[in-house]
PDB file of all heavy atoms in Angstrom:
ATOM      1  N   ALA A   1      79.746 -53.010  71.100  1.00  0.00           N
ATOM      2  CA  ALA A   1      80.819 -53.959  70.815  1.00  0.00           C
ATOM      3  C   ALA A   1      80.782 -54.388  69.347  1.00  0.00           C
ATOM      4  O   ALA A   1      81.831 -54.507  68.695  1.00  0.00           O
ATOM      5  CB  ALA A   1      80.687 -55.179  71.730  1.00  0.00           C
ATOM      6  N   PHE A   2      79.584 -54.611  68.824  1.00  0.00           N
ATOM      7  CA  PHE A   2      79.432 -55.015  67.425  1.00  0.00           C
ATOM      8  C   PHE A   2      79.948 -53.922  66.490  1.00  0.00           C
ATOM      9  O   PHE A   2      80.686 -54.191  65.539  1.00  0.00           O
ATOM     10  CB  PHE A   2      77.965 -55.327  67.133  1.00  0.00           C
ATOM     11  CG  PHE A   2      77.707 -55.869  65.763  1.00  0.00           C
ATOM     12  CD1 PHE A   2      77.694 -57.226  65.526  1.00  0.00           C
ATOM     13  CD2 PHE A   2      77.453 -55.004  64.687  1.00  0.00           C
ATOM     14  CE1 PHE A   2      77.445 -57.742  64.247  1.00  0.00           C
ATOM     15  CE2 PHE A   2      77.211 -55.495  63.416  1.00  0.00           C
ATOM     16  CZ  PHE A   2      77.201 -56.870  63.198  1.00  0.00           C
ATOM     17  N   LYS A   3      79.568 -52.678  66.777  1.00  0.00           N
ATOM     18  CA  LYS A   3      80.019 -51.570  65.931  1.00  0.00           C
ATOM     19  C   LYS A   3      81.533 -51.418  66.004  1.00  0.00           C
ATOM     20  O   LYS A   3      82.194 -51.175  64.989  1.00  0.00           O
ATOM     21  CB  LYS A   3      79.330 -50.275  66.366  1.00  0.00           C
ATOM     22  CG  LYS A   3      77.840 -50.256  66.061  1.00  0.00           C
ATOM     23  CD  LYS A   3      77.235 -48.865  66.253  1.00  0.00           C
ATOM     24  CE  LYS A   3      77.285 -48.422  67.695  1.00  0.00           C
ATOM     25  NZ  LYS A   3      76.622 -47.103  67.888  1.00  0.00           N
ATOM     26  N   GLY A   4      82.091 -51.563  67.193  1.00  0.00           N
ATOM     27  CA  GLY A   4      83.538 -51.441  67.346  1.00  0.00           C
ATOM     28  C   GLY A   4      84.290 -52.535  66.616  1.00  0.00           C
ATOM     29  O   GLY A   4      85.357 -52.303  66.029  1.00  0.00           O
ATOM     30  N   LYS A   5      83.726 -53.734  66.612  1.00  0.00           N
ATOM     31  CA  LYS A   5      84.387 -54.877  65.992  1.00  0.00           C
ATOM     32  C   LYS A   5      84.400 -54.789  64.469  1.00  0.00           C
ATOM     33  O   LYS A   5      85.389 -55.162  63.816  1.00  0.00           O
ATOM     34  CB  LYS A   5      83.691 -56.165  66.430  1.00  0.00           C
ATOM     35  CG  LYS A   5      84.292 -57.438  65.850  1.00  0.00           C
ATOM     36  CD  LYS A   5      83.577 -58.672  66.397  1.00  0.00           C
ATOM     37  CE  LYS A   5      84.166 -59.956  65.840  1.00  0.00           C
ATOM     38  NZ  LYS A   5      83.474 -61.170  66.387  1.00  0.00           N
ATOM     39  N   TYR A   6      83.318 -54.269  63.871  1.00  0.00           N
ATOM     40  CA  TYR A   6      83.175 -54.334  62.409  1.00  0.00           C
ATOM     41  C   TYR A   6      83.224 -52.980  61.714  1.00  0.00           C
ATOM     42  O   TYR A   6      83.085 -52.914  60.495  1.00  0.00           O
ATOM     43  CB  TYR A   6      81.860 -55.037  62.053  1.00  0.00           C
ATOM     44  CG  TYR A   6      81.841 -56.496  62.425  1.00  0.00           C
ATOM     45  CD1 TYR A   6      81.022 -56.966  63.457  1.00  0.00           C
ATOM     46  CD2 TYR A   6      82.644 -57.419  61.748  1.00  0.00           C
ATOM     47  CE1 TYR A   6      81.004 -58.320  63.794  1.00  0.00           C
ATOM     48  CE2 TYR A   6      82.628 -58.761  62.077  1.00  0.00           C
ATOM     49  CZ  TYR A   6      81.808 -59.204  63.105  1.00  0.00           C
ATOM     50  OH  TYR A   6      81.792 -60.546  63.445  1.00  0.00           O
ATOM     51  N   ARG A   7      83.446 -51.901  62.466  1.00  0.00           N
ATOM     52  CA  ARG A   7      83.394 -50.568  61.854  1.00  0.00           C
ATOM     53  C   ARG A   7      84.412 -50.412  60.720  1.00  0.00           C
ATOM     54  O   ARG A   7      84.092 -49.891  59.646  1.00  0.00           O
ATOM     55  CB  ARG A   7      83.615 -49.491  62.915  1.00  0.00           C
ATOM     56  CG  ARG A   7      83.589 -48.068  62.340  1.00  0.00           C
ATOM     57  CD  ARG A   7      83.598 -47.009  63.418  1.00  0.00           C
ATOM     58  NE  ARG A   7      82.278 -46.841  64.022  1.00  0.00           N
ATOM     59  CZ  ARG A   7      81.978 -47.178  65.268  1.00  0.00           C
ATOM     60  NH1 ARG A   7      82.914 -47.718  66.049  1.00  0.00           N
ATOM     61  NH2 ARG A   7      80.757 -46.991  65.732  1.00  0.00           N
ATOM     62  N   GLU A   8      85.639 -50.837  60.926  1.00  0.00           N
ATOM     63  CA  GLU A   8      86.666 -50.685  59.893  1.00  0.00           C
ATOM     64  C   GLU A   8      86.556 -51.759  58.832  1.00  0.00           C
ATOM     65  O   GLU A   8      86.828 -51.513  57.655  1.00  0.00           O
ATOM     66  CB  GLU A   8      88.057 -50.719  60.535  1.00  0.00           C
ATOM     67  CG  GLU A   8      88.361 -49.511  61.411  1.00  0.00           C
ATOM     68  CD  GLU A   8      89.802 -49.500  61.893  1.00  0.00           C
ATOM     69  OE1 GLU A   8      90.584 -50.357  61.438  1.00  0.00           O
ATOM     70  OE2 GLU A   8      90.142 -48.628  62.706  1.00  0.00           O
ATOM     71  N   ARG A   9      86.145 -52.937  59.224  1.00  0.00           N
ATOM     72  CA  ARG A   9      86.087 -54.068  58.293  1.00  0.00           C
ATOM     73  C   ARG A   9      84.898 -53.951  57.343  1.00  0.00           C
ATOM     74  O   ARG A   9      85.025 -54.220  56.146  1.00  0.00           O
ATOM     75  CB  ARG A   9      86.002 -55.368  59.080  1.00  0.00           C
ATOM     76  CG  ARG A   9      86.210 -56.620  58.257  1.00  0.00           C
ATOM     77  CD  ARG A   9      86.262 -57.818  59.184  1.00  0.00           C
ATOM     78  NE  ARG A   9      86.471 -59.048  58.473  1.00  0.00           N
ATOM     79  CZ  ARG A   9      86.489 -60.244  59.066  1.00  0.00           C
ATOM     80  NH1 ARG A   9      86.338 -60.335  60.383  1.00  0.00           N
ATOM     81  NH2 ARG A   9      86.668 -61.344  58.352  1.00  0.00           N
ATOM     82  N   TYR A  10      83.742 -53.581  57.879  1.00  0.00           N
ATOM     83  CA  TYR A  10      82.532 -53.471  57.062  1.00  0.00           C
ATOM     84  C   TYR A  10      81.849 -52.131  57.335  1.00  0.00           C
ATOM     85  O   TYR A  10      80.804 -52.067  57.971  1.00  0.00           O
ATOM     86  CB  TYR A  10      81.568 -54.623  57.370  1.00  0.00           C
ATOM     87  CG  TYR A  10      82.156 -56.000  57.149  1.00  0.00           C
ATOM     88  CD1 TYR A  10      82.184 -56.935  58.188  1.00  0.00           C
ATOM     89  CD2 TYR A  10      82.686 -56.358  55.921  1.00  0.00           C
ATOM     90  CE1 TYR A  10      82.719 -58.197  57.981  1.00  0.00           C
ATOM     91  CE2 TYR A  10      83.230 -57.613  55.714  1.00  0.00           C
ATOM     92  CZ  TYR A  10      83.244 -58.525  56.755  1.00  0.00           C
ATOM     93  OH  TYR A  10      83.785 -59.765  56.556  1.00  0.00           O
ATOM     94  N   PRO A  11      82.425 -51.025  56.855  1.00  0.00           N
ATOM     95  CA  PRO A  11      81.883 -49.699  57.164  1.00  0.00           C
ATOM     96  C   PRO A  11      80.453 -49.490  56.645  1.00  0.00           C
ATOM     97  O   PRO A  11      79.651 -48.821  57.297  1.00  0.00           O
ATOM     98  CB  PRO A  11      82.871 -48.737  56.488  1.00  0.00           C
ATOM     99  CG  PRO A  11      83.579 -49.571  55.460  1.00  0.00           C
ATOM    100  CD  PRO A  11      83.648 -50.941  56.023  1.00  0.00           C
ATOM    101  N   GLU A  12      80.129 -50.046  55.474  1.00  0.00           N
ATOM    102  CA  GLU A  12      78.781 -49.869  54.932  1.00  0.00           C
ATOM    103  C   GLU A  12      77.741 -50.583  55.791  1.00  0.00           C
ATOM    104  O   GLU A  12      76.633 -50.079  55.989  1.00  0.00           O
ATOM    105  CB  GLU A  12      78.719 -50.381  53.487  1.00  0.00           C
ATOM    106  CG  GLU A  12      79.393 -49.479  52.475  1.00  0.00           C
ATOM    107  CD  GLU A  12      78.778 -48.086  52.478  1.00  0.00           C
ATOM    108  OE1 GLU A  12      77.530 -47.977  52.494  1.00  0.00           O
ATOM    109  OE2 GLU A  12      79.537 -47.103  52.475  1.00  0.00           O
ATOM    110  N   ALA A  13      78.112 -51.750  56.299  1.00  0.00           N
ATOM    111  CA  ALA A  13      77.189 -52.485  57.170  1.00  0.00           C
ATOM    112  C   ALA A  13      76.932 -51.709  58.459  1.00  0.00           C
ATOM    113  O   ALA A  13      75.786 -51.615  58.926  1.00  0.00           O
ATOM    114  CB  ALA A  13      77.751 -53.869  57.490  1.00  0.00           C
ATOM    115  N   ILE A  14      77.978 -51.139  59.022  1.00  0.00           N
ATOM    116  CA  ILE A  14      77.824 -50.374  60.261  1.00  0.00           C
ATOM    117  C   ILE A  14      77.059 -49.076  59.997  1.00  0.00           C
ATOM    118  O   ILE A  14      76.240 -48.644  60.829  1.00  0.00           O
ATOM    119  CB  ILE A  14      79.203 -50.083  60.885  1.00  0.00           C
ATOM    120  CG1 ILE A  14      79.897 -51.402  61.246  1.00  0.00           C
ATOM    121  CG2 ILE A  14      79.056 -49.204  62.119  1.00  0.00           C
ATOM    122  CD1 ILE A  14      79.075 -52.305  62.160  1.00  0.00           C
ATOM    123  N   HIS A  15      77.291 -48.464  58.832  1.00  0.00           N
ATOM    124  CA  HIS A  15      76.527 -47.272  58.470  1.00  0.00           C
ATOM    125  C   HIS A  15      75.038 -47.596  58.408  1.00  0.00           C
ATOM    126  O   HIS A  15      74.192 -46.836  58.910  1.00  0.00           O
ATOM    127  CB  HIS A  15      77.004 -46.730  57.122  1.00  0.00           C
ATOM    128  CG  HIS A  15      76.210 -45.560  56.622  1.00  0.00           C
ATOM    129  ND1 HIS A  15      76.305 -44.305  57.164  1.00  0.00           N
ATOM    130  CD2 HIS A  15      75.281 -45.487  55.620  1.00  0.00           C
ATOM    131  CE1 HIS A  15      75.478 -43.491  56.530  1.00  0.00           C
ATOM    132  NE2 HIS A  15      74.844 -44.180  55.602  1.00  0.00           N
ATOM    133  N   SER A  16      74.703 -48.738  57.801  1.00  0.00           N
ATOM    134  CA  SER A  16      73.308 -49.166  57.718  1.00  0.00           C
ATOM    135  C   SER A  16      72.733 -49.429  59.101  1.00  0.00           C
ATOM    136  O   SER A  16      71.585 -49.055  59.397  1.00  0.00           O
ATOM    137  CB  SER A  16      73.193 -50.426  56.859  1.00  0.00           C
ATOM    138  OG  SER A  16      71.876 -50.909  56.830  1.00  0.00           O
ATOM    139  N   LEU A  17      73.535 -50.048  59.963  1.00  0.00           N
ATOM    140  CA  LEU A  17      73.078 -50.348  61.323  1.00  0.00           C
ATOM    141  C   LEU A  17      72.783 -49.078  62.104  1.00  0.00           C
ATOM    142  O   LEU A  17      71.821 -49.015  62.878  1.00  0.00           O
ATOM    143  CB  LEU A  17      74.136 -51.186  62.049  1.00  0.00           C
ATOM    144  CG  LEU A  17      73.844 -51.564  63.507  1.00  0.00           C
ATOM    145  CD1 LEU A  17      72.588 -52.429  63.594  1.00  0.00           C
ATOM    146  CD2 LEU A  17      75.041 -52.293  64.117  1.00  0.00           C
ATOM    147  N   CYS A  18      73.619 -48.059  61.895  1.00  0.00           N
ATOM    148  CA  CYS A  18      73.484 -46.823  62.678  1.00  0.00           C
ATOM    149  C   CYS A  18      72.347 -45.933  62.190  1.00  0.00           C
ATOM    150  O   CYS A  18      71.922 -45.033  62.922  1.00  0.00           O
ATOM    151  CB  CYS A  18      74.797 -46.043  62.639  1.00  0.00           C
ATOM    152  SG  CYS A  18      76.145 -46.854  63.543  1.00  0.00           S
ATOM    153  N   GLU A  19      71.856 -46.159  60.977  1.00  0.00           N
ATOM    154  CA  GLU A  19      70.705 -45.408  60.499  1.00  0.00           C
ATOM    155  C   GLU A  19      69.480 -45.774  61.336  1.00  0.00           C
ATOM    156  O   GLU A  19      69.136 -46.937  61.459  1.00  0.00           O
ATOM    157  CB  GLU A  19      70.437 -45.710  59.021  1.00  0.00           C
ATOM    158  CG  GLU A  19      71.470 -45.128  58.072  1.00  0.00           C
ATOM    159  CD  GLU A  19      71.175 -45.468  56.626  1.00  0.00           C
ATOM    160  OE1 GLU A  19      70.592 -46.542  56.362  1.00  0.00           O
ATOM    161  OE2 GLU A  19      71.540 -44.676  55.746  1.00  0.00           O
ATOM    162  N   ASP A  20      68.839 -44.800  61.897  1.00  0.00           N
ATOM    163  CA  ASP A  20      67.663 -45.028  62.743  1.00  0.00           C
ATOM    164  C   ASP A  20      68.022 -45.806  64.017  1.00  0.00           C
ATOM    165  O   ASP A  20      67.178 -46.485  64.609  1.00  0.00           O
ATOM    166  CB  ASP A  20      66.591 -45.793  61.965  1.00  0.00           C
ATOM    167  CG  ASP A  20      65.182 -45.307  62.277  1.00  0.00           C
ATOM    168  OD1 ASP A  20      65.053 -44.260  62.930  1.00  0.00           O
ATOM    169  OD2 ASP A  20      64.216 -45.978  61.889  1.00  0.00           O
ATOM    170  N   GLU A  21      69.281 -45.680  64.450  1.00  0.00           N
ATOM    171  CA  GLU A  21      69.759 -46.455  65.605  1.00  0.00           C
ATOM    172  C   GLU A  21      68.953 -46.168  66.872  1.00  0.00           C
ATOM    173  O   GLU A  21      68.737 -47.069  67.695  1.00  0.00           O
ATOM    174  CB  GLU A  21      71.236 -46.133  65.855  1.00  0.00           C
ATOM    175  CG  GLU A  21      71.845 -46.891  67.018  1.00  0.00           C
ATOM    176  CD  GLU A  21      73.307 -46.542  67.246  1.00  0.00           C
ATOM    177  OE1 GLU A  21      73.915 -45.888  66.363  1.00  0.00           O
ATOM    178  OE2 GLU A  21      73.848 -46.911  68.304  1.00  0.00           O
ATOM    179  N   GLY A  22      68.494 -44.953  67.020  1.00  0.00           N
ATOM    180  CA  GLY A  22      67.768 -44.580  68.229  1.00  0.00           C
ATOM    181  C   GLY A  22      66.439 -45.294  68.405  1.00  0.00           C
ATOM    182  O   GLY A  22      65.832 -45.227  69.483  1.00  0.00           O
ATOM    183  N   HIS A  23      65.988 -45.993  67.347  1.00  0.00           N
ATOM    184  CA  HIS A  23      64.691 -46.675  67.419  1.00  0.00           C
ATOM    185  C   HIS A  23      64.825 -48.196  67.301  1.00  0.00           C
ATOM    186  O   HIS A  23      63.826 -48.886  67.112  1.00  0.00           O
ATOM    187  CB  HIS A  23      63.770 -46.146  66.324  1.00  0.00           C
ATOM    188  CG  HIS A  23      63.510 -44.679  66.423  1.00  0.00           C
ATOM    189  ND1 HIS A  23      62.593 -44.135  67.306  1.00  0.00           N
ATOM    190  CD2 HIS A  23      64.073 -43.623  65.770  1.00  0.00           C
ATOM    191  CE1 HIS A  23      62.585 -42.818  67.177  1.00  0.00           C
ATOM    192  NE2 HIS A  23      63.476 -42.482  66.263  1.00  0.00           N
ATOM    193  N   LEU A  24      66.036 -48.707  67.429  1.00  0.00           N
ATOM    194  CA  LEU A  24      66.244 -50.152  67.310  1.00  0.00           C
ATOM    195  C   LEU A  24      65.807 -50.908  68.559  1.00  0.00           C
ATOM    196  O   LEU A  24      65.345 -52.053  68.474  1.00  0.00           O
ATOM    197  CB  LEU A  24      67.727 -50.462  67.037  1.00  0.00           C
ATOM    198  CG  LEU A  24      68.315 -50.001  65.703  1.00  0.00           C
ATOM    199  CD1 LEU A  24      69.792 -50.390  65.624  1.00  0.00           C
ATOM    200  CD2 LEU A  24      67.547 -50.610  64.533  1.00  0.00           C
ATOM    201  N   LEU A  25      65.965 -50.302  69.717  1.00  0.00           N
ATOM    202  CA  LEU A  25      65.761 -51.013  70.977  1.00  0.00           C
ATOM    203  C   LEU A  25      64.584 -50.475  71.782  1.00  0.00           C
ATOM    204  O   LEU A  25      64.494 -50.717  72.984  1.00  0.00           O
ATOM    205  CB  LEU A  25      67.047 -50.949  71.814  1.00  0.00           C
ATOM    206  CG  LEU A  25      68.323 -51.453  71.119  1.00  0.00           C
ATOM    207  CD1 LEU A  25      69.539 -51.254  72.015  1.00  0.00           C
ATOM    208  CD2 LEU A  25      68.195 -52.916  70.725  1.00  0.00           C
ATOM    209  N   THR A  26      63.672 -49.785  71.119  1.00  0.00           N
ATOM    210  CA  THR A  26      62.504 -49.232  71.815  1.00  0.00           C
ATOM    211  C   THR A  26      61.681 -50.327  72.484  1.00  0.00           C
ATOM    212  O   THR A  26      61.075 -50.105  73.544  1.00  0.00           O
ATOM    213  CB  THR A  26      61.617 -48.457  70.822  1.00  0.00           C
ATOM    214  OG1 THR A  26      62.424 -47.514  70.112  1.00  0.00           O
ATOM    215  CG2 THR A  26      60.503 -47.725  71.544  1.00  0.00           C
ATOM    216  N   PHE A  27      61.657 -51.514  71.887  1.00  0.00           N
ATOM    217  CA  PHE A  27      60.808 -52.593  72.419  1.00  0.00           C
ATOM    218  C   PHE A  27      61.157 -52.958  73.862  1.00  0.00           C
ATOM    219  O   PHE A  27      60.310 -53.474  74.606  1.00  0.00           O
ATOM    220  CB  PHE A  27      60.896 -53.833  71.518  1.00  0.00           C
ATOM    221  CG  PHE A  27      62.212 -54.564  71.552  1.00  0.00           C
ATOM    222  CD1 PHE A  27      62.408 -55.619  72.437  1.00  0.00           C
ATOM    223  CD2 PHE A  27      63.247 -54.213  70.700  1.00  0.00           C
ATOM    224  CE1 PHE A  27      63.615 -56.311  72.474  1.00  0.00           C
ATOM    225  CE2 PHE A  27      64.460 -54.896  70.717  1.00  0.00           C
ATOM    226  CZ  PHE A  27      64.642 -55.948  71.613  1.00  0.00           C
ATOM    227  N   TYR A  28      62.405 -52.677  74.288  1.00  0.00           N
ATOM    228  CA  TYR A  28      62.799 -52.990  75.664  1.00  0.00           C
ATOM    229  C   TYR A  28      62.037 -52.149  76.693  1.00  0.00           C
ATOM    230  O   TYR A  28      62.007 -52.490  77.876  1.00  0.00           O
ATOM    231  CB  TYR A  28      64.297 -52.775  75.852  1.00  0.00           C
ATOM    232  CG  TYR A  28      65.154 -53.937  75.386  1.00  0.00           C
ATOM    233  CD1 TYR A  28      65.917 -53.831  74.226  1.00  0.00           C
ATOM    234  CD2 TYR A  28      65.214 -55.123  76.114  1.00  0.00           C
ATOM    235  CE1 TYR A  28      66.707 -54.886  73.798  1.00  0.00           C
ATOM    236  CE2 TYR A  28      65.998 -56.180  75.698  1.00  0.00           C
ATOM    237  CZ  TYR A  28      66.745 -56.061  74.532  1.00  0.00           C
ATOM    238  OH  TYR A  28      67.526 -57.107  74.102  1.00  0.00           O
ATOM    239  N   ASP A  29      61.429 -51.053  76.251  1.00  0.00           N
ATOM    240  CA  ASP A  29      60.685 -50.197  77.168  1.00  0.00           C
ATOM    241  C   ASP A  29      59.275 -50.737  77.449  1.00  0.00           C
ATOM    242  O   ASP A  29      58.518 -50.113  78.190  1.00  0.00           O
ATOM    243  CB  ASP A  29      60.576 -48.780  76.593  1.00  0.00           C
ATOM    244  CG  ASP A  29      61.944 -48.137  76.393  1.00  0.00           C
ATOM    245  OD1 ASP A  29      62.883 -48.496  77.140  1.00  0.00           O
ATOM    246  OD2 ASP A  29      62.077 -47.290  75.479  1.00  0.00           O
ATOM    247  N   PHE A  30      58.941 -51.872  76.852  1.00  0.00           N
ATOM    248  CA  PHE A  30      57.635 -52.483  77.019  1.00  0.00           C
ATOM    249  C   PHE A  30      57.783 -53.840  77.715  1.00  0.00           C
ATOM    250  O   PHE A  30      58.886 -54.396  77.762  1.00  0.00           O
ATOM    251  CB  PHE A  30      56.957 -52.641  75.655  1.00  0.00           C
ATOM    252  CG  PHE A  30      56.572 -51.333  75.026  1.00  0.00           C
ATOM    253  CD1 PHE A  30      57.533 -50.555  74.371  1.00  0.00           C
ATOM    254  CD2 PHE A  30      55.280 -50.856  75.112  1.00  0.00           C
ATOM    255  CE1 PHE A  30      57.193 -49.340  73.802  1.00  0.00           C
ATOM    256  CE2 PHE A  30      54.932 -49.640  74.551  1.00  0.00           C
ATOM    257  CZ  PHE A  30      55.879 -48.873  73.901  1.00  0.00           C
ATOM    258  N   PRO A  31      56.700 -54.382  78.258  1.00  0.00           N
ATOM    259  CA  PRO A  31      56.781 -55.673  78.965  1.00  0.00           C
ATOM    260  C   PRO A  31      57.379 -56.772  78.095  1.00  0.00           C
ATOM    261  O   PRO A  31      57.147 -56.817  76.882  1.00  0.00           O
ATOM    262  CB  PRO A  31      55.307 -55.972  79.299  1.00  0.00           C
ATOM    263  CG  PRO A  31      54.664 -54.630  79.356  1.00  0.00           C
ATOM    264  CD  PRO A  31      55.351 -53.802  78.322  1.00  0.00           C
ATOM    265  N   GLN A  32      58.158 -57.645  78.722  1.00  0.00           N
ATOM    266  CA  GLN A  32      58.861 -58.683  77.984  1.00  0.00           C
ATOM    267  C   GLN A  32      57.912 -59.587  77.199  1.00  0.00           C
ATOM    268  O   GLN A  32      58.259 -60.082  76.127  1.00  0.00           O
ATOM    269  CB  GLN A  32      59.709 -59.534  78.935  1.00  0.00           C
ATOM    270  CG  GLN A  32      60.628 -60.515  78.214  1.00  0.00           C
ATOM    271  CD  GLN A  32      61.623 -61.163  79.166  1.00  0.00           C
ATOM    272  OE1 GLN A  32      61.509 -61.016  80.372  1.00  0.00           O
ATOM    273  NE2 GLN A  32      62.591 -61.873  78.612  1.00  0.00           N
ATOM    274  N   ALA A  33      56.713 -59.795  77.718  1.00  0.00           N
ATOM    275  CA  ALA A  33      55.745 -60.651  77.025  1.00  0.00           C
ATOM    276  C   ALA A  33      55.372 -60.089  75.654  1.00  0.00           C
ATOM    277  O   ALA A  33      54.909 -60.833  74.777  1.00  0.00           O
ATOM    278  CB  ALA A  33      54.488 -60.810  77.880  1.00  0.00           C
ATOM    279  N   MET A  34      55.586 -58.794  75.448  1.00  0.00           N
ATOM    280  CA  MET A  34      55.246 -58.164  74.180  1.00  0.00           C
ATOM    281  C   MET A  34      56.396 -58.185  73.184  1.00  0.00           C
ATOM    282  O   MET A  34      56.184 -57.945  71.984  1.00  0.00           O
ATOM    283  CB  MET A  34      54.825 -56.698  74.412  1.00  0.00           C
ATOM    284  CG  MET A  34      53.555 -56.518  75.199  1.00  0.00           C
ATOM    285  SD  MET A  34      53.189 -54.746  75.485  1.00  0.00           S
ATOM    286  CE  MET A  34      52.961 -54.165  73.797  1.00  0.00           C
ATOM    287  N   HIS A  35      57.616 -58.469  73.630  1.00  0.00           N
ATOM    288  CA  HIS A  35      58.792 -58.263  72.797  1.00  0.00           C
ATOM    289  C   HIS A  35      58.730 -58.979  71.451  1.00  0.00           C
ATOM    290  O   HIS A  35      59.094 -58.410  70.414  1.00  0.00           O
ATOM    291  CB  HIS A  35      60.061 -58.676  73.558  1.00  0.00           C
ATOM    292  CG  HIS A  35      60.417 -57.728  74.656  1.00  0.00           C
ATOM    293  ND1 HIS A  35      61.564 -57.848  75.424  1.00  0.00           N
ATOM    294  CD2 HIS A  35      59.785 -56.613  75.123  1.00  0.00           C
ATOM    295  CE1 HIS A  35      61.603 -56.874  76.306  1.00  0.00           C
ATOM    296  NE2 HIS A  35      60.536 -56.117  76.151  1.00  0.00           N
ATOM    297  N   GLN A  36      58.313 -60.246  71.454  1.00  0.00           N
ATOM    298  CA  GLN A  36      58.310 -60.993  70.200  1.00  0.00           C
ATOM    299  C   GLN A  36      57.326 -60.413  69.183  1.00  0.00           C
ATOM    300  O   GLN A  36      57.444 -60.649  67.987  1.00  0.00           O
ATOM    301  CB  GLN A  36      57.978 -62.458  70.463  1.00  0.00           C
ATOM    302  CG  GLN A  36      56.588 -62.695  71.039  1.00  0.00           C
ATOM    303  CD  GLN A  36      56.266 -64.159  71.190  1.00  0.00           C
ATOM    304  OE1 GLN A  36      56.651 -64.972  70.352  1.00  0.00           O
ATOM    305  NE2 GLN A  36      55.591 -64.514  72.272  1.00  0.00           N
ATOM    306  N   HIS A  37      56.352 -59.639  69.653  1.00  0.00           N
ATOM    307  CA  HIS A  37      55.341 -59.068  68.767  1.00  0.00           C
ATOM    308  C   HIS A  37      55.686 -57.662  68.297  1.00  0.00           C
ATOM    309  O   HIS A  37      55.047 -57.162  67.361  1.00  0.00           O
ATOM    310  CB  HIS A  37      53.991 -59.021  69.483  1.00  0.00           C
ATOM    311  CG  HIS A  37      53.536 -60.343  70.024  1.00  0.00           C
ATOM    312  ND1 HIS A  37      53.163 -61.394  69.210  1.00  0.00           N
ATOM    313  CD2 HIS A  37      53.424 -60.800  71.299  1.00  0.00           C
ATOM    314  CE1 HIS A  37      52.817 -62.423  69.966  1.00  0.00           C
ATOM    315  NE2 HIS A  37      52.972 -62.092  71.237  1.00  0.00           N
ATOM    316  N   ILE A  38      56.655 -57.016  68.934  1.00  0.00           N
ATOM    317  CA  ILE A  38      56.893 -55.598  68.638  1.00  0.00           C
ATOM    318  C   ILE A  38      58.320 -55.324  68.186  1.00  0.00           C
ATOM    319  O   ILE A  38      58.768 -54.184  68.211  1.00  0.00           O
ATOM    320  CB  ILE A  38      56.550 -54.707  69.857  1.00  0.00           C
ATOM    321  CG1 ILE A  38      57.411 -55.063  71.067  1.00  0.00           C
ATOM    322  CG2 ILE A  38      55.075 -54.834  70.209  1.00  0.00           C
ATOM    323  CD1 ILE A  38      57.225 -54.118  72.250  1.00  0.00           C
ATOM    324  N   ARG A  39      59.029 -56.359  67.761  1.00  0.00           N
ATOM    325  CA  ARG A  39      60.385 -56.145  67.249  1.00  0.00           C
ATOM    326  C   ARG A  39      60.430 -56.074  65.726  1.00  0.00           C
ATOM    327  O   ARG A  39      61.488 -55.804  65.151  1.00  0.00           O
ATOM    328  CB  ARG A  39      61.319 -57.254  67.742  1.00  0.00           C
ATOM    329  CG  ARG A  39      61.516 -57.254  69.242  1.00  0.00           C
ATOM    330  CD  ARG A  39      62.670 -58.111  69.671  1.00  0.00           C
ATOM    331  NE  ARG A  39      62.514 -59.503  69.288  1.00  0.00           N
ATOM    332  CZ  ARG A  39      63.348 -60.488  69.647  1.00  0.00           C
ATOM    333  NH1 ARG A  39      64.402 -60.188  70.392  1.00  0.00           N
ATOM    334  NH2 ARG A  39      63.142 -61.723  69.278  1.00  0.00           N
ATOM    335  N   SER A  40      59.305 -56.341  65.088  1.00  0.00           N
ATOM    336  CA  SER A  40      59.292 -56.332  63.624  1.00  0.00           C
ATOM    337  C   SER A  40      57.897 -55.976  63.133  1.00  0.00           C
ATOM    338  O   SER A  40      56.941 -55.902  63.908  1.00  0.00           O
ATOM    339  CB  SER A  40      59.689 -57.708  63.072  1.00  0.00           C
ATOM    340  OG  SER A  40      58.631 -58.643  63.276  1.00  0.00           O
TER     341      SER A  40
END
């Protein structure tokens, strides 16, 4: 939804977001108690 909303308005921002997109949400594959420690 975020990409759809801003793709035309801010193409460079969306391009940056999509770089390495496949590794943005890997932390969800681990227990929730770990999330705050493994998102950055």
